[in-house]
Amino acid sequence: MDIFSKLVDGKAFILVGPPVSGESDFLYHYLQHNLNNSEPVIYVMTDTSPEEMKKDMIQKKIFVTKFETDKILQYIDCYSKNAGDSLPQI
């Protein structure tokens, strides 16, 4: 049994921790696990833009374009407007 199986299907969770405690690594592994199993993911971003997050995922060899196109991966961007970035038109 892996750590992801301990999370309850269909439930939301919040991942919080001090800086450099591994939240990002856990999140990327969980994201990849769910996407590979065609399980929908909504990623709420509060400290980075979607563009920066996608660059990080590409560096980690997580390619999300297909999942975005299929609407399996969607984003809620709570960061860009607060940071002064312009929001992309949808």
C-alpha atoms as a PDB file:
ATOM      1  CA  MET A   1       0.000   0.000   0.000  1.00  0.00           C
ATOM      2  CA  ASP A   2       1.412   3.388  -0.966  1.00  0.00           C
ATOM      3  CA  ILE A   3       0.887   6.656   0.887  1.00  0.00           C
ATOM      4  CA  PHE A   4      -1.671   7.852  -1.659  1.00  0.00           C
ATOM      5  CA  SER A   5      -4.021   4.986  -0.826  1.00  0.00           C
ATOM      6  CA  LYS A   6      -4.341   6.396   2.695  1.00  0.00           C
ATOM      7  CA  LEU A   7      -6.020   9.529   1.306  1.00  0.00           C
ATOM      8  CA  VAL A   8      -9.784   9.197   0.983  1.00  0.00           C
ATOM      9  CA  ASP A   9     -11.078   9.101  -2.587  1.00  0.00           C
ATOM     10  CA  GLY A  10     -13.335  11.988  -3.512  1.00  0.00           C
ATOM     11  CA  LYS A  11     -12.200  14.155  -0.620  1.00  0.00           C
ATOM     12  CA  ALA A  12     -10.181  17.351  -0.702  1.00  0.00           C
ATOM     13  CA  PHE A  13      -7.078  17.819   1.372  1.00  0.00           C
ATOM     14  CA  ILE A  14      -4.793  20.720   2.167  1.00  0.00           C
ATOM     15  CA  LEU A  15      -1.060  20.185   2.235  1.00  0.00           C
ATOM     16  CA  VAL A  16       0.703  22.567   4.624  1.00  0.00           C
ATOM     17  CA  GLY A  17       4.211  22.569   6.019  1.00  0.00           C
ATOM     18  CA  PRO A  18       7.221  24.708   6.823  1.00  0.00           C
ATOM     19  CA  PRO A  19       9.552  25.748   3.992  1.00  0.00           C
ATOM     20  CA  VAL A  20      11.640  22.957   2.436  1.00  0.00           C
ATOM     21  CA  SER A  21       9.703  20.174   4.184  1.00  0.00           C
ATOM     22  CA  GLY A  22       8.816  18.319   0.981  1.00  0.00           C
ATOM     23  CA  GLU A  23       5.307  19.553   0.218  1.00  0.00           C
ATOM     24  CA  SER A  24       6.116  20.244  -3.431  1.00  0.00           C
ATOM     25  CA  ASP A  25       7.695  16.835  -3.987  1.00  0.00           C
ATOM     26  CA  PHE A  26       4.709  15.119  -2.387  1.00  0.00           C
ATOM     27  CA  LEU A  27       2.321  17.221  -4.452  1.00  0.00           C
ATOM     28  CA  TYR A  28       4.068  16.436  -7.743  1.00  0.00           C
ATOM     29  CA  HIS A  29       4.093  12.694  -6.977  1.00  0.00           C
ATOM     30  CA  TYR A  30       0.426  12.788  -5.994  1.00  0.00           C
ATOM     31  CA  LEU A  31      -0.432  14.798  -9.093  1.00  0.00           C
ATOM     32  CA  GLN A  32       1.367  12.323 -11.346  1.00  0.00           C
ATOM     33  CA  HIS A  33      -0.263   9.362  -9.570  1.00  0.00           C
ATOM     34  CA  ASN A  34      -3.776  10.773 -10.003  1.00  0.00           C
ATOM     35  CA  LEU A  35      -3.290  11.897 -13.595  1.00  0.00           C
ATOM     36  CA  ASN A  36      -1.860   8.512 -14.600  1.00  0.00           C
ATOM     37  CA  ASN A  37      -5.029   6.947 -13.158  1.00  0.00           C
ATOM     38  CA  SER A  38      -7.280   9.507 -14.950  1.00  0.00           C
ATOM     39  CA  GLU A  39      -8.426  10.898 -11.613  1.00  0.00           C
ATOM     40  CA  PRO A  40      -9.378  14.589 -11.824  1.00  0.00           C
ATOM     41  CA  VAL A  41      -7.156  17.140 -10.079  1.00  0.00           C
ATOM     42  CA  ILE A  42      -7.967  20.735  -9.187  1.00  0.00           C
ATOM     43  CA  TYR A  43      -4.783  22.583  -8.285  1.00  0.00           C
ATOM     44  CA  VAL A  44      -5.346  25.744  -6.193  1.00  0.00           C
ATOM     45  CA  MET A  45      -2.304  27.986  -6.473  1.00  0.00           C
ATOM     46  CA  THR A  46      -1.643  30.539  -3.755  1.00  0.00           C
ATOM     47  CA  ASP A  47       2.107  31.106  -4.011  1.00  0.00           C
ATOM     48  CA  THR A  48       3.003  30.646  -7.684  1.00  0.00           C
ATOM     49  CA  SER A  49       1.497  31.247 -11.103  1.00  0.00           C
ATOM     50  CA  PRO A  50       0.219  28.441 -13.334  1.00  0.00           C
ATOM     51  CA  GLU A  51       3.030  29.173 -15.782  1.00  0.00           C
ATOM     52  CA  GLU A  52       5.737  28.803 -13.126  1.00  0.00           C
ATOM     53  CA  MET A  53       4.144  25.623 -11.807  1.00  0.00           C
ATOM     54  CA  LYS A  54       4.069  24.147 -15.330  1.00  0.00           C
ATOM     55  CA  LYS A  55       7.768  24.972 -15.798  1.00  0.00           C
ATOM     56  CA  ASP A  56       8.537  23.163 -12.527  1.00  0.00           C
ATOM     57  CA  MET A  57       6.527  20.138 -13.632  1.00  0.00           C
ATOM     58  CA  ILE A  58       8.320  19.970 -16.996  1.00  0.00           C
ATOM     59  CA  GLN A  59      11.663  19.987 -15.156  1.00  0.00           C
ATOM     60  CA  LYS A  60      10.374  17.037 -13.105  1.00  0.00           C
ATOM     61  CA  LYS A  61       9.303  15.262 -16.335  1.00  0.00           C
ATOM     62  CA  ILE A  62       5.595  15.661 -15.601  1.00  0.00           C
ATOM     63  CA  PHE A  63       3.866  16.628 -18.837  1.00  0.00           C
ATOM     64  CA  VAL A  64       0.350  17.936 -18.267  1.00  0.00           C
ATOM     65  CA  THR A  65      -0.851  19.337 -21.599  1.00  0.00           C
ATOM     66  CA  LYS A  66      -2.965  16.279 -22.453  1.00  0.00           C
ATOM     67  CA  PHE A  67      -4.531  16.267 -18.985  1.00  0.00           C
ATOM     68  CA  GLU A  68      -5.342  19.977 -19.279  1.00  0.00           C
ATOM     69  CA  THR A  69      -6.891  19.423 -22.721  1.00  0.00           C
ATOM     70  CA  ASP A  70      -8.963  16.508 -21.395  1.00  0.00           C
ATOM     71  CA  LYS A  71     -10.031  18.671 -18.399  1.00  0.00           C
ATOM     72  CA  ILE A  72      -8.614  16.119 -15.954  1.00  0.00           C
ATOM     73  CA  LEU A  73      -6.272  18.813 -14.591  1.00  0.00           C
ATOM     74  CA  GLN A  74      -7.671  22.262 -13.847  1.00  0.00           C
ATOM     75  CA  TYR A  75      -6.296  25.234 -11.955  1.00  0.00           C
ATOM     76  CA  ILE A  76      -7.647  27.846  -9.600  1.00  0.00           C
ATOM     77  CA  ASP A  77      -5.203  30.748  -9.699  1.00  0.00           C
ATOM     78  CA  CYS A  78      -5.312  32.728  -6.437  1.00  0.00           C
ATOM     79  CA  TYR A  79      -1.791  34.077  -6.989  1.00  0.00           C
ATOM     80  CA  SER A  80      -1.450  35.964 -10.282  1.00  0.00           C
ATOM     81  CA  LYS A  81      -3.877  38.800  -9.671  1.00  0.00           C
ATOM     82  CA  ASN A  82      -2.459  39.419  -6.173  1.00  0.00           C
ATOM     83  CA  ALA A  83       1.081  39.365  -7.552  1.00  0.00           C
ATOM     84  CA  GLY A  84       0.189  41.892 -10.241  1.00  0.00           C
ATOM     85  CA  ASP A  85       0.372  39.387 -13.086  1.00  0.00           C
ATOM     86  CA  SER A  86      -2.268  39.679 -15.745  1.00  0.00           C
ATOM     87  CA  LEU A  87      -4.653  36.772 -15.903  1.00  0.00           C
ATOM     88  CA  PRO A  88      -4.906  34.937 -19.219  1.00  0.00           C
ATOM     89  CA  GLN A  89      -8.167  35.236 -21.106  1.00  0.00           C
ATOM     90  CA  ILE A  90     -10.102  31.972 -21.196  1.00  0.00           C
END
